Amino acid sequence: MDWNAFMADIESDIGTYAKEVPDTMKGFGVMGTAAKKSGALDEKTKEIMALGIAIATRCDSCIGFHVRSLVRLGLTREELCEALAMATYMGGGPSMAYSAKALKAYDTFTAKG
C-alpha cells in the first residue's frame, strides 16, 4: 500500500463528502477537537488509544490519520511497536495484520525525502 497516495485519495473523498454534509462534518470536527484536548490524558495517549481502535475495527484510513498524528506528536517506533503489540494481543490475528499495516504507515510517514 502506498500510504501517501492512499491518504491523499481518502482526504479528497472526504472533502467531496464534506461539501454534501457540512453540518455533520463541522460537528465531527468539534467532537474530535474536544476528544483530543489534553486533560487527565494527553493527546498522544488518546491517539494511541484511537490507533488501537482503528486496528480493531480494521479501518485503513483511521490507521493513516492516527499514525500521522502520532508522528506529529513525536511517537517513537519503539512506543508504536509496544502499542501495536497490545492491539495484537487484544484483537488476535486480524489485529496482527492491521498492526503490520500501521507499522508500515509509520515507516512511510517518518521517512525522510
PDB file of N, CA and C in Angstrom:
ATOM      1  N   MET A   1       0.851  -1.180   0.000  1.00  0.00           N
ATOM      2  CA  MET A   1       0.000   0.000   0.000  1.00  0.00           C
ATOM      3  C   MET A   1       0.894   1.240   0.000  1.00  0.00           C
ATOM      4  N   ASP A   2       0.601   2.174  -0.844  1.00  0.00           N
ATOM      5  CA  ASP A   2       1.279   3.471  -0.861  1.00  0.00           C
ATOM      6  C   ASP A   2       0.502   4.393   0.074  1.00  0.00           C
ATOM      7  N   TRP A   3       0.988   4.526   1.298  1.00  0.00           N
ATOM      8  CA  TRP A   3       0.250   5.267   2.316  1.00  0.00           C
ATOM      9  C   TRP A   3       0.033   6.726   1.942  1.00  0.00           C
ATOM     10  N   ASN A   4       1.032   7.362   1.349  1.00  0.00           N
ATOM     11  CA  ASN A   4       0.860   8.769   0.983  1.00  0.00           C
ATOM     12  C   ASN A   4      -0.225   8.936  -0.071  1.00  0.00           C
ATOM     13  N   ALA A   5      -0.221   8.099  -1.097  1.00  0.00           N
ATOM     14  CA  ALA A   5      -1.254   8.172  -2.141  1.00  0.00           C
ATOM     15  C   ALA A   5      -2.621   7.808  -1.572  1.00  0.00           C
ATOM     16  N   PHE A   6      -2.665   6.778  -0.734  1.00  0.00           N
ATOM     17  CA  PHE A   6      -3.931   6.367  -0.123  1.00  0.00           C
ATOM     18  C   PHE A   6      -4.539   7.510   0.686  1.00  0.00           C
ATOM     19  N   MET A   7      -3.707   8.171   1.505  1.00  0.00           N
ATOM     20  CA  MET A   7      -4.225   9.248   2.341  1.00  0.00           C
ATOM     21  C   MET A   7      -4.663  10.440   1.495  1.00  0.00           C
ATOM     22  N   ALA A   8      -3.945  10.733   0.431  1.00  0.00           N
ATOM     23  CA  ALA A   8      -4.363  11.827  -0.452  1.00  0.00           C
ATOM     24  C   ALA A   8      -5.721  11.521  -1.065  1.00  0.00           C
ATOM     25  N   ASP A   9      -5.911  10.280  -1.484  1.00  0.00           N
ATOM     26  CA  ASP A   9      -7.199   9.876  -2.069  1.00  0.00           C
ATOM     27  C   ASP A   9      -8.328   9.974  -1.054  1.00  0.00           C
ATOM     28  N   ILE A  10      -8.121   9.461   0.145  1.00  0.00           N
ATOM     29  CA  ILE A  10      -9.199   9.472   1.133  1.00  0.00           C
ATOM     30  C   ILE A  10      -9.512  10.893   1.575  1.00  0.00           C
ATOM     31  N   GLU A  11      -8.490  11.740   1.679  1.00  0.00           N
ATOM     32  CA  GLU A  11      -8.740  13.132   2.042  1.00  0.00           C
ATOM     33  C   GLU A  11      -9.551  13.841   0.949  1.00  0.00           C
ATOM     34  N   SER A  12      -9.280  13.517  -0.298  1.00  0.00           N
ATOM     35  CA  SER A  12     -10.064  14.071  -1.399  1.00  0.00           C
ATOM     36  C   SER A  12     -11.513  13.594  -1.317  1.00  0.00           C
ATOM     37  N   ASP A  13     -11.682  12.296  -1.080  1.00  0.00           N
ATOM     38  CA  ASP A  13     -13.032  11.740  -0.955  1.00  0.00           C
ATOM     39  C   ASP A  13     -13.789  12.369   0.213  1.00  0.00           C
ATOM     40  N   ILE A  14     -13.116  12.549   1.330  1.00  0.00           N
ATOM     41  CA  ILE A  14     -13.754  13.165   2.499  1.00  0.00           C
ATOM     42  C   ILE A  14     -14.108  14.617   2.193  1.00  0.00           C
ATOM     43  N   GLY A  15     -13.242  15.310   1.449  1.00  0.00           N
ATOM     44  CA  GLY A  15     -13.536  16.681   1.049  1.00  0.00           C
ATOM     45  C   GLY A  15     -14.797  16.773   0.211  1.00  0.00           C
ATOM     46  N   THR A  16     -14.965  15.842  -0.709  1.00  0.00           N
ATOM     47  CA  THR A  16     -16.175  15.801  -1.529  1.00  0.00           C
ATOM     48  C   THR A  16     -17.395  15.542  -0.662  1.00  0.00           C
ATOM     49  N   TYR A  17     -17.285  14.569   0.233  1.00  0.00           N
ATOM     50  CA  TYR A  17     -18.381  14.241   1.140  1.00  0.00           C
ATOM     51  C   TYR A  17     -18.726  15.434   2.038  1.00  0.00           C
ATOM     52  N   ALA A  18     -17.704  16.134   2.516  1.00  0.00           N
ATOM     53  CA  ALA A  18     -17.911  17.267   3.420  1.00  0.00           C
ATOM     54  C   ALA A  18     -18.753  18.360   2.772  1.00  0.00           C
ATOM     55  N   LYS A  19     -18.612  18.522   1.469  1.00  0.00           N
ATOM     56  CA  LYS A  19     -19.415  19.526   0.761  1.00  0.00           C
ATOM     57  C   LYS A  19     -20.898  19.162   0.774  1.00  0.00           C
ATOM     58  N   GLU A  20     -21.185  17.881   0.848  1.00  0.00           N
ATOM     59  CA  GLU A  20     -22.576  17.411   0.855  1.00  0.00           C
ATOM     60  C   GLU A  20     -23.208  17.476   2.238  1.00  0.00           C
ATOM     61  N   VAL A  21     -22.401  17.312   3.281  1.00  0.00           N
ATOM     62  CA  VAL A  21     -22.925  17.284   4.650  1.00  0.00           C
ATOM     63  C   VAL A  21     -22.086  18.197   5.556  1.00  0.00           C
ATOM     64  N   PRO A  22     -22.057  19.491   5.267  1.00  0.00           N
ATOM     65  CA  PRO A  22     -21.167  20.386   6.016  1.00  0.00           C
ATOM     66  C   PRO A  22     -21.473  20.453   7.509  1.00  0.00           C
ATOM     67  N   ASP A  23     -22.730  20.393   7.894  1.00  0.00           N
ATOM     68  CA  ASP A  23     -23.050  20.458   9.320  1.00  0.00           C
ATOM     69  C   ASP A  23     -22.552  19.223  10.061  1.00  0.00           C
ATOM     70  N   THR A  24     -22.683  18.071   9.425  1.00  0.00           N
ATOM     71  CA  THR A  24     -22.178  16.836  10.026  1.00  0.00           C
ATOM     72  C   THR A  24     -20.668  16.920  10.200  1.00  0.00           C
ATOM     73  N   MET A  25     -19.974  17.389   9.173  1.00  0.00           N
ATOM     74  CA  MET A  25     -18.514  17.474   9.242  1.00  0.00           C
ATOM     75  C   MET A  25     -18.068  18.490  10.288  1.00  0.00           C
ATOM     76  N   LYS A  26     -18.790  19.597  10.384  1.00  0.00           N
ATOM     77  CA  LYS A  26     -18.459  20.591  11.401  1.00  0.00           C
ATOM     78  C   LYS A  26     -18.617  19.975  12.793  1.00  0.00           C
ATOM     79  N   GLY A  27     -19.709  19.260  13.006  1.00  0.00           N
ATOM     80  CA  GLY A  27     -19.940  18.608  14.293  1.00  0.00           C
ATOM     81  C   GLY A  27     -18.884  17.567  14.610  1.00  0.00           C
ATOM     82  N   PHE A  28     -18.496  16.799  13.588  1.00  0.00           N
ATOM     83  CA  PHE A  28     -17.456  15.783  13.782  1.00  0.00           C
ATOM     84  C   PHE A  28     -16.134  16.445  14.158  1.00  0.00           C
ATOM     85  N   GLY A  29     -15.832  17.566  13.504  1.00  0.00           N
ATOM     86  CA  GLY A  29     -14.601  18.296  13.811  1.00  0.00           C
ATOM     87  C   GLY A  29     -14.590  18.834  15.229  1.00  0.00           C
ATOM     88  N   VAL A  30     -15.713  19.384  15.667  1.00  0.00           N
ATOM     89  CA  VAL A  30     -15.824  19.902  17.032  1.00  0.00           C
ATOM     90  C   VAL A  30     -15.652  18.761  18.031  1.00  0.00           C
ATOM     91  N   MET A  31     -16.296  17.629  17.760  1.00  0.00           N
ATOM     92  CA  MET A  31     -16.189  16.474  18.645  1.00  0.00           C
ATOM     93  C   MET A  31     -14.739  15.988  18.723  1.00  0.00           C
ATOM     94  N   GLY A  32     -14.063  15.909  17.573  1.00  0.00           N
ATOM     95  CA  GLY A  32     -12.670  15.468  17.546  1.00  0.00           C
ATOM     96  C   GLY A  32     -11.757  16.387  18.335  1.00  0.00           C
ATOM     97  N   THR A  33     -11.954  17.686  18.168  1.00  0.00           N
ATOM     98  CA  THR A  33     -11.141  18.659  18.909  1.00  0.00           C
ATOM     99  C   THR A  33     -11.329  18.485  20.409  1.00  0.00           C
ATOM    100  N   ALA A  34     -12.574  18.321  20.836  1.00  0.00           N
ATOM    101  CA  ALA A  34     -12.863  18.148  22.265  1.00  0.00           C
ATOM    102  C   ALA A  34     -12.275  16.840  22.788  1.00  0.00           C
ATOM    103  N   ALA A  35     -12.404  15.777  22.022  1.00  0.00           N
ATOM    104  CA  ALA A  35     -11.929  14.466  22.476  1.00  0.00           C
ATOM    105  C   ALA A  35     -10.407  14.422  22.590  1.00  0.00           C
ATOM    106  N   LYS A  36      -9.706  15.131  21.723  1.00  0.00           N
ATOM    107  CA  LYS A  36      -8.241  15.092  21.710  1.00  0.00           C
ATOM    108  C   LYS A  36      -7.588  16.093  22.651  1.00  0.00           C
ATOM    109  N   LYS A  37      -8.376  16.985  23.230  1.00  0.00           N
ATOM    110  CA  LYS A  37      -7.828  18.002  24.126  1.00  0.00           C
ATOM    111  C   LYS A  37      -7.167  17.339  25.334  1.00  0.00           C
ATOM    112  N   SER A  38      -5.953  17.775  25.630  1.00  0.00           N
ATOM    113  CA  SER A  38      -5.234  17.211  26.770  1.00  0.00           C
ATOM    114  C   SER A  38      -5.943  17.548  28.069  1.00  0.00           C
ATOM    115  N   GLY A  39      -6.045  16.567  28.918  1.00  0.00           N
ATOM    116  CA  GLY A  39      -6.637  16.705  30.249  1.00  0.00           C
ATOM    117  C   GLY A  39      -5.932  15.700  31.145  1.00  0.00           C
ATOM    118  N   ALA A  40      -6.686  14.798  31.754  1.00  0.00           N
ATOM    119  CA  ALA A  40      -6.084  13.736  32.554  1.00  0.00           C
ATOM    120  C   ALA A  40      -5.192  12.849  31.676  1.00  0.00           C
ATOM    121  N   LEU A  41      -5.582  12.716  30.401  1.00  0.00           N
ATOM    122  CA  LEU A  41      -4.763  12.010  29.411  1.00  0.00           C
ATOM    123  C   LEU A  41      -4.275  13.030  28.393  1.00  0.00           C
ATOM    124  N   ASP A  42      -3.016  12.896  27.973  1.00  0.00           N
ATOM    125  CA  ASP A  42      -2.523  13.819  26.957  1.00  0.00           C
ATOM    126  C   ASP A  42      -2.944  13.354  25.563  1.00  0.00           C
ATOM    127  N   GLU A  43      -2.777  14.238  24.588  1.00  0.00           N
ATOM    128  CA  GLU A  43      -3.216  13.937  23.228  1.00  0.00           C
ATOM    129  C   GLU A  43      -2.524  12.696  22.665  1.00  0.00           C
ATOM    130  N   LYS A  44      -1.248  12.520  22.963  1.00  0.00           N
ATOM    131  CA  LYS A  44      -0.517  11.358  22.453  1.00  0.00           C
ATOM    132  C   LYS A  44      -1.141  10.058  22.962  1.00  0.00           C
ATOM    133  N   THR A  45      -1.466  10.002  24.230  1.00  0.00           N
ATOM    134  CA  THR A  45      -2.098   8.808  24.797  1.00  0.00           C
ATOM    135  C   THR A  45      -3.443   8.553  24.129  1.00  0.00           C
ATOM    136  N   LYS A  46      -4.201   9.609  23.919  1.00  0.00           N
ATOM    137  CA  LYS A  46      -5.502   9.462  23.277  1.00  0.00           C
ATOM    138  C   LYS A  46      -5.365   8.981  21.837  1.00  0.00           C
ATOM    139  N   GLU A  47      -4.345   9.448  21.131  1.00  0.00           N
ATOM    140  CA  GLU A  47      -4.119   8.998  19.755  1.00  0.00           C
ATOM    141  C   GLU A  47      -3.674   7.539  19.714  1.00  0.00           C
ATOM    142  N   ILE A  48      -2.908   7.099  20.704  1.00  0.00           N
ATOM    143  CA  ILE A  48      -2.538   5.683  20.793  1.00  0.00           C
ATOM    144  C   ILE A  48      -3.801   4.840  20.981  1.00  0.00           C
ATOM    145  N   MET A  49      -4.707   5.300  21.832  1.00  0.00           N
ATOM    146  CA  MET A  49      -5.977   4.598  22.025  1.00  0.00           C
ATOM    147  C   MET A  49      -6.761   4.542  20.716  1.00  0.00           C
ATOM    148  N   ALA A  50      -6.817   5.670  20.025  1.00  0.00           N
ATOM    149  CA  ALA A  50      -7.555   5.726  18.759  1.00  0.00           C
ATOM    150  C   ALA A  50      -6.943   4.782  17.730  1.00  0.00           C
ATOM    151  N   LEU A  51      -5.620   4.683  17.706  1.00  0.00           N
ATOM    152  CA  LEU A  51      -4.973   3.757  16.775  1.00  0.00           C
ATOM    153  C   LEU A  51      -5.355   2.313  17.106  1.00  0.00           C
ATOM    154  N   GLY A  52      -5.383   1.966  18.381  1.00  0.00           N
ATOM    155  CA  GLY A  52      -5.797   0.616  18.766  1.00  0.00           C
ATOM    156  C   GLY A  52      -7.216   0.306  18.305  1.00  0.00           C
ATOM    157  N   ILE A  53      -8.095   1.274  18.425  1.00  0.00           N
ATOM    158  CA  ILE A  53      -9.474   1.091  17.968  1.00  0.00           C
ATOM    159  C   ILE A  53      -9.510   0.979  16.451  1.00  0.00           C
ATOM    160  N   ALA A  54      -8.713   1.792  15.761  1.00  0.00           N
ATOM    161  CA  ALA A  54      -8.650   1.725  14.291  1.00  0.00           C
ATOM    162  C   ALA A  54      -8.190   0.353  13.827  1.00  0.00           C
ATOM    163  N   ILE A  55      -7.224  -0.215  14.528  1.00  0.00           N
ATOM    164  CA  ILE A  55      -6.734  -1.555  14.189  1.00  0.00           C
ATOM    165  C   ILE A  55      -7.831  -2.585  14.452  1.00  0.00           C
ATOM    166  N   ALA A  56      -8.483  -2.487  15.605  1.00  0.00           N
ATOM    167  CA  ALA A  56      -9.526  -3.452  15.955  1.00  0.00           C
ATOM    168  C   ALA A  56     -10.710  -3.402  14.989  1.00  0.00           C
ATOM    169  N   THR A  57     -11.017  -2.210  14.477  1.00  0.00           N
ATOM    170  CA  THR A  57     -12.149  -2.074  13.567  1.00  0.00           C
ATOM    171  C   THR A  57     -11.734  -2.205  12.102  1.00  0.00           C
ATOM    172  N   ARG A  58     -10.437  -2.400  11.878  1.00  0.00           N
ATOM    173  CA  ARG A  58      -9.878  -2.629  10.533  1.00  0.00           C
ATOM    174  C   ARG A  58     -10.163  -1.468   9.586  1.00  0.00           C
ATOM    175  N   CYS A  59      -9.873  -0.272  10.071  1.00  0.00           N
ATOM    176  CA  CYS A  59     -10.123   0.954   9.300  1.00  0.00           C
ATOM    177  C   CYS A  59      -8.798   1.518   8.790  1.00  0.00           C
ATOM    178  N   ASP A  60      -8.486   1.259   7.514  1.00  0.00           N
ATOM    179  CA  ASP A  60      -7.226   1.721   6.939  1.00  0.00           C
ATOM    180  C   ASP A  60      -7.056   3.232   7.037  1.00  0.00           C
ATOM    181  N   SER A  61      -8.093   3.976   6.679  1.00  0.00           N
ATOM    182  CA  SER A  61      -7.955   5.433   6.714  1.00  0.00           C
ATOM    183  C   SER A  61      -7.770   5.929   8.146  1.00  0.00           C
ATOM    184  N   CYS A  62      -8.442   5.309   9.101  1.00  0.00           N
ATOM    185  CA  CYS A  62      -8.264   5.689  10.506  1.00  0.00           C
ATOM    186  C   CYS A  62      -6.829   5.423  10.959  1.00  0.00           C
ATOM    187  N   ILE A  63      -6.275   4.287  10.542  1.00  0.00           N
ATOM    188  CA  ILE A  63      -4.886   3.981  10.860  1.00  0.00           C
ATOM    189  C   ILE A  63      -3.993   5.089  10.312  1.00  0.00           C
ATOM    190  N   GLY A  64      -4.201   5.463   9.060  1.00  0.00           N
ATOM    191  CA  GLY A  64      -3.385   6.519   8.461  1.00  0.00           C
ATOM    192  C   GLY A  64      -3.492   7.833   9.217  1.00  0.00           C
ATOM    193  N   PHE A  65      -4.712   8.261   9.517  1.00  0.00           N
ATOM    194  CA  PHE A  65      -4.903   9.531  10.223  1.00  0.00           C
ATOM    195  C   PHE A  65      -4.247   9.511  11.598  1.00  0.00           C
ATOM    196  N   HIS A  66      -4.420   8.422  12.349  1.00  0.00           N
ATOM    197  CA  HIS A  66      -3.899   8.392  13.716  1.00  0.00           C
ATOM    198  C   HIS A  66      -2.395   8.159  13.751  1.00  0.00           C
ATOM    199  N   VAL A  67      -1.864   7.379  12.830  1.00  0.00           N
ATOM    200  CA  VAL A  67      -0.403   7.241  12.777  1.00  0.00           C
ATOM    201  C   VAL A  67       0.231   8.583  12.416  1.00  0.00           C
ATOM    202  N   ARG A  68      -0.333   9.293  11.450  1.00  0.00           N
ATOM    203  CA  ARG A  68       0.217  10.615  11.109  1.00  0.00           C
ATOM    204  C   ARG A  68       0.170  11.552  12.310  1.00  0.00           C
ATOM    205  N   SER A  69      -0.920  11.522  13.063  1.00  0.00           N
ATOM    206  CA  SER A  69      -1.000  12.354  14.265  1.00  0.00           C
ATOM    207  C   SER A  69       0.057  11.949  15.279  1.00  0.00           C
ATOM    208  N   LEU A  70       0.261  10.662  15.438  1.00  0.00           N
ATOM    209  CA  LEU A  70       1.272  10.191  16.387  1.00  0.00           C
ATOM    210  C   LEU A  70       2.684  10.567  15.956  1.00  0.00           C
ATOM    211  N   VAL A  71       2.951  10.539  14.665  1.00  0.00           N
ATOM    212  CA  VAL A  71       4.257  11.004  14.158  1.00  0.00           C
ATOM    213  C   VAL A  71       4.423  12.483  14.521  1.00  0.00           C
ATOM    214  N   ARG A  72       3.378  13.278  14.277  1.00  0.00           N
ATOM    215  CA  ARG A  72       3.418  14.705  14.611  1.00  0.00           C
ATOM    216  C   ARG A  72       3.670  14.914  16.099  1.00  0.00           C
ATOM    217  N   LEU A  73       3.125  14.035  16.925  1.00  0.00           N
ATOM    218  CA  LEU A  73       3.260  14.150  18.384  1.00  0.00           C
ATOM    219  C   LEU A  73       4.556  13.548  18.912  1.00  0.00           C
ATOM    220  N   GLY A  74       5.408  13.027  18.018  1.00  0.00           N
ATOM    221  CA  GLY A  74       6.725  12.538  18.431  1.00  0.00           C
ATOM    222  C   GLY A  74       6.774  11.098  18.904  1.00  0.00           C
ATOM    223  N   LEU A  75       5.785  10.292  18.580  1.00  0.00           N
ATOM    224  CA  LEU A  75       5.806   8.884  18.963  1.00  0.00           C
ATOM    225  C   LEU A  75       7.026   8.206  18.355  1.00  0.00           C
ATOM    226  N   THR A  76       7.729   7.437  19.164  1.00  0.00           N
ATOM    227  CA  THR A  76       8.882   6.697  18.645  1.00  0.00           C
ATOM    228  C   THR A  76       8.418   5.367  18.061  1.00  0.00           C
ATOM    229  N   ARG A  77       9.266   4.782  17.237  1.00  0.00           N
ATOM    230  CA  ARG A  77       8.952   3.472  16.665  1.00  0.00           C
ATOM    231  C   ARG A  77       8.795   2.439  17.781  1.00  0.00           C
ATOM    232  N   GLU A  78       9.619   2.545  18.818  1.00  0.00           N
ATOM    233  CA  GLU A  78       9.531   1.614  19.954  1.00  0.00           C
ATOM    234  C   GLU A  78       8.186   1.753  20.666  1.00  0.00           C
ATOM    235  N   GLU A  79       7.747   2.976  20.905  1.00  0.00           N
ATOM    236  CA  GLU A  79       6.438   3.194  21.534  1.00  0.00           C
ATOM    237  C   GLU A  79       5.325   2.625  20.655  1.00  0.00           C
ATOM    238  N   LEU A  80       5.437   2.878  19.354  1.00  0.00           N
ATOM    239  CA  LEU A  80       4.427   2.359  18.430  1.00  0.00           C
ATOM    240  C   LEU A  80       4.372   0.841  18.501  1.00  0.00           C
ATOM    241  N   CYS A  81       5.517   0.200  18.448  1.00  0.00           N
ATOM    242  CA  CYS A  81       5.532  -1.269  18.449  1.00  0.00           C
ATOM    243  C   CYS A  81       4.940  -1.841  19.734  1.00  0.00           C
ATOM    244  N   GLU A  82       5.169  -1.191  20.877  1.00  0.00           N
ATOM    245  CA  GLU A  82       4.545  -1.656  22.115  1.00  0.00           C
ATOM    246  C   GLU A  82       3.027  -1.500  22.052  1.00  0.00           C
ATOM    247  N   ALA A  83       2.562  -0.389  21.501  1.00  0.00           N
ATOM    248  CA  ALA A  83       1.112  -0.185  21.352  1.00  0.00           C
ATOM    249  C   ALA A  83       0.532  -1.213  20.383  1.00  0.00           C
ATOM    250  N   LEU A  84       1.259  -1.495  19.305  1.00  0.00           N
ATOM    251  CA  LEU A  84       0.789  -2.478  18.331  1.00  0.00           C
ATOM    252  C   LEU A  84       0.754  -3.883  18.928  1.00  0.00           C
ATOM    253  N   ALA A  85       1.706  -4.189  19.795  1.00  0.00           N
ATOM    254  CA  ALA A  85       1.697  -5.493  20.466  1.00  0.00           C
ATOM    255  C   ALA A  85       0.435  -5.643  21.310  1.00  0.00           C
ATOM    256  N   MET A  86       0.038  -4.570  21.979  1.00  0.00           N
ATOM    257  CA  MET A  86      -1.175  -4.613  22.794  1.00  0.00           C
ATOM    258  C   MET A  86      -2.405  -4.760  21.910  1.00  0.00           C
ATOM    259  N   ALA A  87      -2.429  -4.042  20.796  1.00  0.00           N
ATOM    260  CA  ALA A  87      -3.559  -4.156  19.863  1.00  0.00           C
ATOM    261  C   ALA A  87      -3.656  -5.577  19.311  1.00  0.00           C
ATOM    262  N   THR A  88      -2.515  -6.180  19.004  1.00  0.00           N
ATOM    263  CA  THR A  88      -2.497  -7.555  18.511  1.00  0.00           C
ATOM    264  C   THR A  88      -3.007  -8.516  19.586  1.00  0.00           C
ATOM    265  N   TYR A  89      -2.540  -8.328  20.810  1.00  0.00           N
ATOM    266  CA  TYR A  89      -2.983  -9.168  21.921  1.00  0.00           C
ATOM    267  C   TYR A  89      -4.504  -9.105  22.080  1.00  0.00           C
ATOM    268  N   MET A  90      -5.057  -7.909  22.003  1.00  0.00           N
ATOM    269  CA  MET A  90      -6.491  -7.734  22.223  1.00  0.00           C
ATOM    270  C   MET A  90      -7.331  -8.193  21.039  1.00  0.00           C
ATOM    271  N   GLY A  91      -6.780  -8.150  19.829  1.00  0.00           N
ATOM    272  CA  GLY A  91      -7.582  -8.435  18.647  1.00  0.00           C
ATOM    273  C   GLY A  91      -7.205  -9.678  17.877  1.00  0.00           C
ATOM    274  N   GLY A  92      -6.151 -10.376  18.278  1.00  0.00           N
ATOM    275  CA  GLY A  92      -5.756 -11.611  17.607  1.00  0.00           C
ATOM    276  C   GLY A  92      -5.215 -11.400  16.198  1.00  0.00           C
ATOM    277  N   GLY A  93      -5.406 -12.415  15.363  1.00  0.00           N
ATOM    278  CA  GLY A  93      -4.848 -12.437  14.014  1.00  0.00           C
ATOM    279  C   GLY A  93      -5.202 -11.240  13.155  1.00  0.00           C
ATOM    280  N   PRO A  94      -6.483 -10.855  13.060  1.00  0.00           N
ATOM    281  CA  PRO A  94      -6.800  -9.681  12.251  1.00  0.00           C
ATOM    282  C   PRO A  94      -6.081  -8.419  12.738  1.00  0.00           C
ATOM    283  N   SER A  95      -5.977  -8.246  14.039  1.00  0.00           N
ATOM    284  CA  SER A  95      -5.277  -7.076  14.562  1.00  0.00           C
ATOM    285  C   SER A  95      -3.782  -7.155  14.295  1.00  0.00           C
ATOM    286  N   MET A  96      -3.237  -8.366  14.221  1.00  0.00           N
ATOM    287  CA  MET A  96      -1.832  -8.517  13.869  1.00  0.00           C
ATOM    288  C   MET A  96      -1.590  -7.983  12.452  1.00  0.00           C
ATOM    289  N   ALA A  97      -2.458  -8.347  11.521  1.00  0.00           N
ATOM    290  CA  ALA A  97      -2.310  -7.881  10.142  1.00  0.00           C
ATOM    291  C   ALA A  97      -2.450  -6.366  10.056  1.00  0.00           C
ATOM    292  N   TYR A  98      -3.404  -5.798  10.776  1.00  0.00           N
ATOM    293  CA  TYR A  98      -3.590  -4.349  10.731  1.00  0.00           C
ATOM    294  C   TYR A  98      -2.530  -3.615  11.538  1.00  0.00           C
ATOM    295  N   SER A  99      -1.949  -4.248  12.546  1.00  0.00           N
ATOM    296  CA  SER A  99      -0.797  -3.669  13.241  1.00  0.00           C
ATOM    297  C   SER A  99       0.386  -3.568  12.292  1.00  0.00           C
ATOM    298  N   ALA A 100       0.579  -4.595  11.468  1.00  0.00           N
ATOM    299  CA  ALA A 100       1.654  -4.545  10.468  1.00  0.00           C
ATOM    300  C   ALA A 100       1.425  -3.392   9.490  1.00  0.00           C
ATOM    301  N   LYS A 101       0.172  -3.155   9.111  1.00  0.00           N
ATOM    302  CA  LYS A 101      -0.144  -2.017   8.245  1.00  0.00           C
ATOM    303  C   LYS A 101       0.199  -0.705   8.944  1.00  0.00           C
ATOM    304  N   ALA A 102      -0.128  -0.600  10.226  1.00  0.00           N
ATOM    305  CA  ALA A 102       0.156   0.620  10.977  1.00  0.00           C
ATOM    306  C   ALA A 102       1.660   0.865  11.065  1.00  0.00           C
ATOM    307  N   LEU A 103       2.437  -0.186  11.264  1.00  0.00           N
ATOM    308  CA  LEU A 103       3.892  -0.047  11.312  1.00  0.00           C
ATOM    309  C   LEU A 103       4.419   0.443   9.969  1.00  0.00           C
ATOM    310  N   LYS A 104       3.900  -0.095   8.882  1.00  0.00           N
ATOM    311  CA  LYS A 104       4.303   0.351   7.545  1.00  0.00           C
ATOM    312  C   LYS A 104       3.923   1.819   7.340  1.00  0.00           C
ATOM    313  N   ALA A 105       2.763   2.223   7.794  1.00  0.00           N
ATOM    314  CA  ALA A 105       2.343   3.622   7.695  1.00  0.00           C
ATOM    315  C   ALA A 105       3.310   4.518   8.466  1.00  0.00           C
ATOM    316  N   TYR A 106       3.695   4.095   9.668  1.00  0.00           N
ATOM    317  CA  TYR A 106       4.639   4.858  10.477  1.00  0.00           C
ATOM    318  C   TYR A 106       5.959   5.016   9.740  1.00  0.00           C
ATOM    319  N   ASP A 107       6.458   3.925   9.203  1.00  0.00           N
ATOM    320  CA  ASP A 107       7.717   3.979   8.465  1.00  0.00           C
ATOM    321  C   ASP A 107       7.612   4.906   7.253  1.00  0.00           C
ATOM    322  N   THR A 108       6.480   4.895   6.587  1.00  0.00           N
ATOM    323  CA  THR A 108       6.261   5.785   5.436  1.00  0.00           C
ATOM    324  C   THR A 108       6.228   7.237   5.877  1.00  0.00           C
ATOM    325  N   PHE A 109       5.470   7.535   6.913  1.00  0.00           N
ATOM    326  CA  PHE A 109       5.292   8.926   7.341  1.00  0.00           C
ATOM    327  C   PHE A 109       6.506   9.499   8.051  1.00  0.00           C
ATOM    328  N   THR A 110       7.432   8.644   8.493  1.00  0.00           N
ATOM    329  CA  THR A 110       8.649   9.160   9.144  1.00  0.00           C
ATOM    330  C   THR A 110       9.843   9.128   8.208  1.00  0.00           C
ATOM    331  N   ALA A 111       9.689   8.588   7.008  1.00  0.00           N
ATOM    332  CA  ALA A 111      10.789   8.512   6.054  1.00  0.00           C
ATOM    333  C   ALA A 111      11.203   9.912   5.610  1.00  0.00           C
ATOM    334  N   LYS A 112      12.480  10.113   5.495  1.00  0.00           N
ATOM    335  CA  LYS A 112      12.990  11.397   5.025  1.00  0.00           C
ATOM    336  C   LYS A 112      12.982  11.397   3.505  1.00  0.00           C
ATOM    337  N   GLY A 113      12.572  12.544   2.941  1.00  0.00           N
ATOM    338  CA  GLY A 113      12.628  12.680   1.479  1.00  0.00           C
ATOM    339  C   GLY A 113      11.457  12.210   0.798  1.00  0.00           C
TER     340      GLY A 113
END
